Amino acid sequence: MTAKTIQIKCINKSARSNPWERITHVGGVADKQWKITQEHAIGFIERGEWNFFVSVKGDSVWVQVATSRFGNKYLKTQPDGDQPNNLLSLPECPR
């Protein structure tokens, strides 16, 4: 099975500052508009079903699963030297 490559175009954030609690949902448009929880996105990546990327200012970077020092998993972009984090700079998804 080949993983789908999906672009994340929006996120929903909580008011929390912890990286593993900050993003609650990611979304975009594939065949139709979609939005899933961060936990579901992590599962898709870990099972090799979906590869996510973000595109900011014409540059695309892969989204990966990271683990906090407390053992909590969260999404982040591969290091590209760009600040702020490309994922956190995306617009809010419709509620």
N, C-alpha and C. Protein backbone atom coordinates (compact mmCIF):
# COMPACT_ATOMS: atom_id res chain seq x y z
N MET A 1 0.84 -1.18 0.00
CA MET A 1 0.00 0.00 0.00
C MET A 1 0.89 1.25 0.00
N THR A 2 0.60 2.16 -0.89
CA THR A 2 1.35 3.40 -0.97
C THR A 2 0.64 4.48 -0.15
N ALA A 3 1.43 5.21 0.60
CA ALA A 3 0.86 6.28 1.43
C ALA A 3 0.36 7.41 0.56
N LYS A 4 -0.77 8.00 0.93
CA LYS A 4 -1.28 9.19 0.26
C LYS A 4 -0.45 10.38 0.70
N THR A 5 -0.20 11.31 -0.21
CA THR A 5 0.48 12.54 0.13
C THR A 5 -0.57 13.64 0.21
N ILE A 6 -0.71 14.24 1.37
CA ILE A 6 -1.79 15.19 1.65
C ILE A 6 -1.20 16.50 2.17
N GLN A 7 -1.69 17.62 1.64
CA GLN A 7 -1.24 18.92 2.13
C GLN A 7 -2.14 19.40 3.25
N ILE A 8 -1.52 19.81 4.35
CA ILE A 8 -2.25 20.45 5.45
C ILE A 8 -2.29 21.94 5.14
N LYS A 9 -3.51 22.50 5.10
CA LYS A 9 -3.67 23.91 4.75
C LYS A 9 -4.17 24.76 5.92
N CYS A 10 -4.63 24.10 6.99
CA CYS A 10 -5.14 24.85 8.12
C CYS A 10 -5.00 24.01 9.38
N ILE A 11 -5.06 24.67 10.52
CA ILE A 11 -5.00 24.00 11.81
C ILE A 11 -5.97 24.67 12.77
N ASN A 12 -6.31 23.96 13.84
CA ASN A 12 -7.00 24.55 14.97
C ASN A 12 -6.08 24.38 16.16
N LYS A 13 -5.96 25.45 16.94
CA LYS A 13 -5.07 25.45 18.10
C LYS A 13 -5.86 25.66 19.38
N SER A 14 -5.31 25.13 20.45
CA SER A 14 -5.85 25.43 21.77
C SER A 14 -5.06 26.62 22.31
N ALA A 15 -5.43 27.09 23.46
CA ALA A 15 -4.73 28.22 24.07
C ALA A 15 -3.50 27.76 24.84
N ARG A 16 -3.23 26.48 24.83
CA ARG A 16 -2.12 25.93 25.61
C ARG A 16 -0.78 26.18 24.91
N SER A 17 0.27 26.25 25.70
CA SER A 17 1.59 26.50 25.14
C SER A 17 2.40 25.22 24.93
N ASN A 18 1.97 24.09 25.52
CA ASN A 18 2.69 22.84 25.32
C ASN A 18 2.55 22.39 23.87
N PRO A 19 3.65 22.00 23.20
CA PRO A 19 3.56 21.63 21.80
C PRO A 19 2.60 20.48 21.52
N TRP A 20 2.50 19.49 22.44
CA TRP A 20 1.63 18.35 22.19
C TRP A 20 0.16 18.67 22.43
N GLU A 21 -0.14 19.79 23.07
CA GLU A 21 -1.53 20.19 23.31
C GLU A 21 -1.94 21.37 22.43
N ARG A 22 -1.01 21.99 21.77
CA ARG A 22 -1.29 23.23 21.05
C ARG A 22 -2.16 23.01 19.82
N ILE A 23 -1.82 22.06 18.96
CA ILE A 23 -2.62 21.79 17.76
C ILE A 23 -3.66 20.73 18.11
N THR A 24 -4.92 21.05 17.86
CA THR A 24 -5.99 20.09 18.14
C THR A 24 -6.43 19.37 16.86
N HIS A 25 -6.45 20.10 15.73
CA HIS A 25 -6.91 19.54 14.45
C HIS A 25 -6.04 20.07 13.31
N VAL A 26 -5.96 19.28 12.24
CA VAL A 26 -5.34 19.73 10.99
C VAL A 26 -6.36 19.49 9.88
N GLY A 27 -6.24 20.27 8.81
CA GLY A 27 -7.22 20.12 7.73
C GLY A 27 -6.67 20.60 6.41
N GLY A 28 -7.48 20.41 5.39
CA GLY A 28 -7.10 20.83 4.05
C GLY A 28 -8.18 20.44 3.05
N VAL A 29 -7.76 20.33 1.80
CA VAL A 29 -8.67 19.93 0.74
C VAL A 29 -7.97 18.87 -0.09
N ALA A 30 -8.52 17.66 -0.13
CA ALA A 30 -8.00 16.61 -1.01
C ALA A 30 -9.07 16.44 -2.09
N ASP A 31 -9.87 15.41 -2.01
CA ASP A 31 -11.03 15.28 -2.91
C ASP A 31 -12.15 16.20 -2.44
N LYS A 32 -12.17 16.45 -1.16
CA LYS A 32 -13.12 17.36 -0.54
C LYS A 32 -12.45 17.96 0.68
N GLN A 33 -13.08 18.94 1.30
CA GLN A 33 -12.52 19.55 2.51
C GLN A 33 -12.51 18.52 3.62
N TRP A 34 -11.43 18.49 4.38
CA TRP A 34 -11.29 17.52 5.46
C TRP A 34 -10.68 18.18 6.69
N LYS A 35 -10.94 17.59 7.85
CA LYS A 35 -10.34 18.03 9.11
C LYS A 35 -10.33 16.83 10.05
N ILE A 36 -9.17 16.56 10.65
CA ILE A 36 -9.03 15.44 11.57
C ILE A 36 -8.28 15.91 12.82
N THR A 37 -8.38 15.14 13.88
CA THR A 37 -7.66 15.48 15.10
C THR A 37 -6.16 15.23 14.90
N GLN A 38 -5.38 15.88 15.74
CA GLN A 38 -3.93 15.65 15.71
C GLN A 38 -3.63 14.17 15.97
N GLU A 39 -4.37 13.54 16.88
CA GLU A 39 -4.15 12.14 17.20
C GLU A 39 -4.37 11.24 15.98
N HIS A 40 -5.43 11.53 15.20
CA HIS A 40 -5.68 10.75 13.99
C HIS A 40 -4.56 10.96 12.97
N ALA A 41 -4.10 12.19 12.81
CA ALA A 41 -3.01 12.48 11.87
C ALA A 41 -1.75 11.73 12.27
N ILE A 42 -1.44 11.70 13.56
CA ILE A 42 -0.27 10.97 14.05
C ILE A 42 -0.40 9.49 13.72
N GLY A 43 -1.58 8.93 13.93
CA GLY A 43 -1.83 7.52 13.60
C GLY A 43 -1.63 7.23 12.13
N PHE A 44 -2.16 8.09 11.24
CA PHE A 44 -1.99 7.91 9.80
C PHE A 44 -0.52 7.91 9.41
N ILE A 45 0.27 8.82 10.00
CA ILE A 45 1.70 8.89 9.71
C ILE A 45 2.40 7.64 10.22
N GLU A 46 2.14 7.26 11.44
CA GLU A 46 2.83 6.12 12.04
C GLU A 46 2.49 4.80 11.35
N ARG A 47 1.28 4.68 10.83
CA ARG A 47 0.89 3.46 10.11
C ARG A 47 1.32 3.50 8.65
N GLY A 48 1.90 4.62 8.21
CA GLY A 48 2.36 4.73 6.82
C GLY A 48 1.24 4.91 5.82
N GLU A 49 0.06 5.37 6.28
CA GLU A 49 -1.09 5.54 5.39
C GLU A 49 -1.06 6.89 4.68
N TRP A 50 -0.68 7.94 5.39
CA TRP A 50 -0.65 9.28 4.82
C TRP A 50 0.70 9.93 5.12
N ASN A 51 1.19 10.71 4.18
CA ASN A 51 2.33 11.61 4.38
C ASN A 51 1.78 13.02 4.27
N PHE A 52 1.98 13.82 5.28
CA PHE A 52 1.49 15.19 5.27
C PHE A 52 2.63 16.16 4.98
N PHE A 53 2.29 17.27 4.31
CA PHE A 53 3.25 18.35 4.11
C PHE A 53 2.53 19.67 4.23
N VAL A 54 3.30 20.73 4.46
CA VAL A 54 2.76 22.09 4.42
C VAL A 54 3.57 22.88 3.42
N SER A 55 2.94 23.86 2.84
CA SER A 55 3.61 24.73 1.88
C SER A 55 3.43 26.16 2.36
N VAL A 56 4.54 26.81 2.65
CA VAL A 56 4.52 28.19 3.13
C VAL A 56 5.48 29.00 2.27
N LYS A 57 4.97 30.08 1.67
CA LYS A 57 5.78 30.94 0.80
C LYS A 57 6.43 30.15 -0.33
N GLY A 58 5.71 29.17 -0.86
CA GLY A 58 6.21 28.39 -1.99
C GLY A 58 7.15 27.26 -1.63
N ASP A 59 7.52 27.13 -0.37
CA ASP A 59 8.39 26.03 0.05
C ASP A 59 7.55 24.97 0.76
N SER A 60 7.78 23.71 0.39
CA SER A 60 7.07 22.61 1.02
C SER A 60 7.99 21.87 1.98
N VAL A 61 7.46 21.53 3.14
CA VAL A 61 8.19 20.74 4.12
C VAL A 61 7.29 19.64 4.66
N TRP A 62 7.89 18.50 4.97
CA TRP A 62 7.14 17.36 5.49
C TRP A 62 6.76 17.59 6.94
N VAL A 63 5.62 17.04 7.30
CA VAL A 63 5.16 17.05 8.69
C VAL A 63 5.58 15.71 9.30
N GLN A 64 6.10 15.76 10.51
CA GLN A 64 6.54 14.54 11.16
C GLN A 64 5.99 14.47 12.57
N VAL A 65 6.08 13.29 13.15
CA VAL A 65 5.66 13.07 14.52
C VAL A 65 6.86 13.29 15.42
N ALA A 66 6.68 14.10 16.44
CA ALA A 66 7.73 14.35 17.43
C ALA A 66 7.21 13.89 18.79
N THR A 67 8.11 13.67 19.71
CA THR A 67 7.74 13.28 21.06
C THR A 67 8.35 14.26 22.04
N SER A 68 7.51 14.80 22.91
CA SER A 68 7.99 15.75 23.92
C SER A 68 8.85 15.03 24.95
N ARG A 69 9.52 15.80 25.77
CA ARG A 69 10.35 15.20 26.82
C ARG A 69 9.50 14.44 27.84
N PHE A 70 8.19 14.66 27.83
CA PHE A 70 7.28 13.96 28.72
C PHE A 70 6.65 12.73 28.06
N GLY A 71 7.04 12.44 26.81
CA GLY A 71 6.54 11.26 26.11
C GLY A 71 5.27 11.48 25.32
N ASN A 72 4.81 12.73 25.18
CA ASN A 72 3.60 13.04 24.42
C ASN A 72 3.94 13.26 22.95
N LYS A 73 3.16 12.67 22.06
CA LYS A 73 3.40 12.82 20.62
C LYS A 73 2.66 14.05 20.10
N TYR A 74 3.27 14.72 19.13
CA TYR A 74 2.65 15.88 18.49
C TYR A 74 3.21 16.02 17.08
N LEU A 75 2.57 16.89 16.28
CA LEU A 75 3.00 17.13 14.91
C LEU A 75 3.90 18.35 14.83
N LYS A 76 4.91 18.27 13.99
CA LYS A 76 5.76 19.42 13.69
C LYS A 76 6.30 19.25 12.29
N THR A 77 6.82 20.32 11.73
CA THR A 77 7.44 20.21 10.41
C THR A 77 8.90 19.85 10.57
N GLN A 78 9.44 19.24 9.52
CA GLN A 78 10.87 18.95 9.53
C GLN A 78 11.62 20.26 9.67
N PRO A 79 12.72 20.25 10.37
CA PRO A 79 13.49 21.49 10.53
C PRO A 79 13.91 22.04 9.17
N ASP A 80 13.57 23.30 8.94
CA ASP A 80 13.97 23.94 7.69
C ASP A 80 14.60 25.30 7.94
N GLY A 81 14.87 25.60 9.21
CA GLY A 81 15.49 26.87 9.56
C GLY A 81 14.55 28.05 9.53
N ASP A 82 13.26 27.79 9.24
CA ASP A 82 12.28 28.87 9.13
C ASP A 82 11.58 29.06 10.47
N GLN A 83 11.43 30.27 10.88
CA GLN A 83 10.66 30.59 12.09
C GLN A 83 9.57 31.57 11.68
N PRO A 84 8.37 31.52 12.19
CA PRO A 84 7.91 30.55 13.16
C PRO A 84 7.68 29.19 12.51
N ASN A 85 7.35 28.20 13.32
CA ASN A 85 7.06 26.85 12.82
C ASN A 85 6.02 26.94 11.70
N ASN A 86 6.32 26.31 10.57
CA ASN A 86 5.42 26.37 9.41
C ASN A 86 4.02 25.87 9.72
N LEU A 87 3.91 24.85 10.53
CA LEU A 87 2.60 24.30 10.86
C LEU A 87 1.79 25.29 11.69
N LEU A 88 2.43 25.90 12.68
CA LEU A 88 1.72 26.83 13.55
C LEU A 88 1.37 28.14 12.86
N SER A 89 2.01 28.43 11.73
CA SER A 89 1.73 29.67 11.02
C SER A 89 0.57 29.54 10.03
N LEU A 90 0.00 28.34 9.89
CA LEU A 90 -1.13 28.14 8.98
C LEU A 90 -2.38 28.80 9.55
N PRO A 91 -3.33 29.16 8.67
CA PRO A 91 -4.57 29.77 9.17
C PRO A 91 -5.43 28.76 9.92
N GLU A 92 -6.39 29.28 10.67
CA GLU A 92 -7.34 28.44 11.40
C GLU A 92 -8.29 27.75 10.43
N CYS A 93 -8.59 26.47 10.70
CA CYS A 93 -9.57 25.73 9.93
C CYS A 93 -10.97 26.22 10.32
N PRO A 94 -11.93 26.14 9.39
CA PRO A 94 -13.31 26.46 9.77
C PRO A 94 -13.77 25.50 10.86
N ARG A 95 -14.55 26.00 11.77
CA ARG A 95 -15.02 25.17 12.89
C ARG A 95 -16.10 24.22 12.47
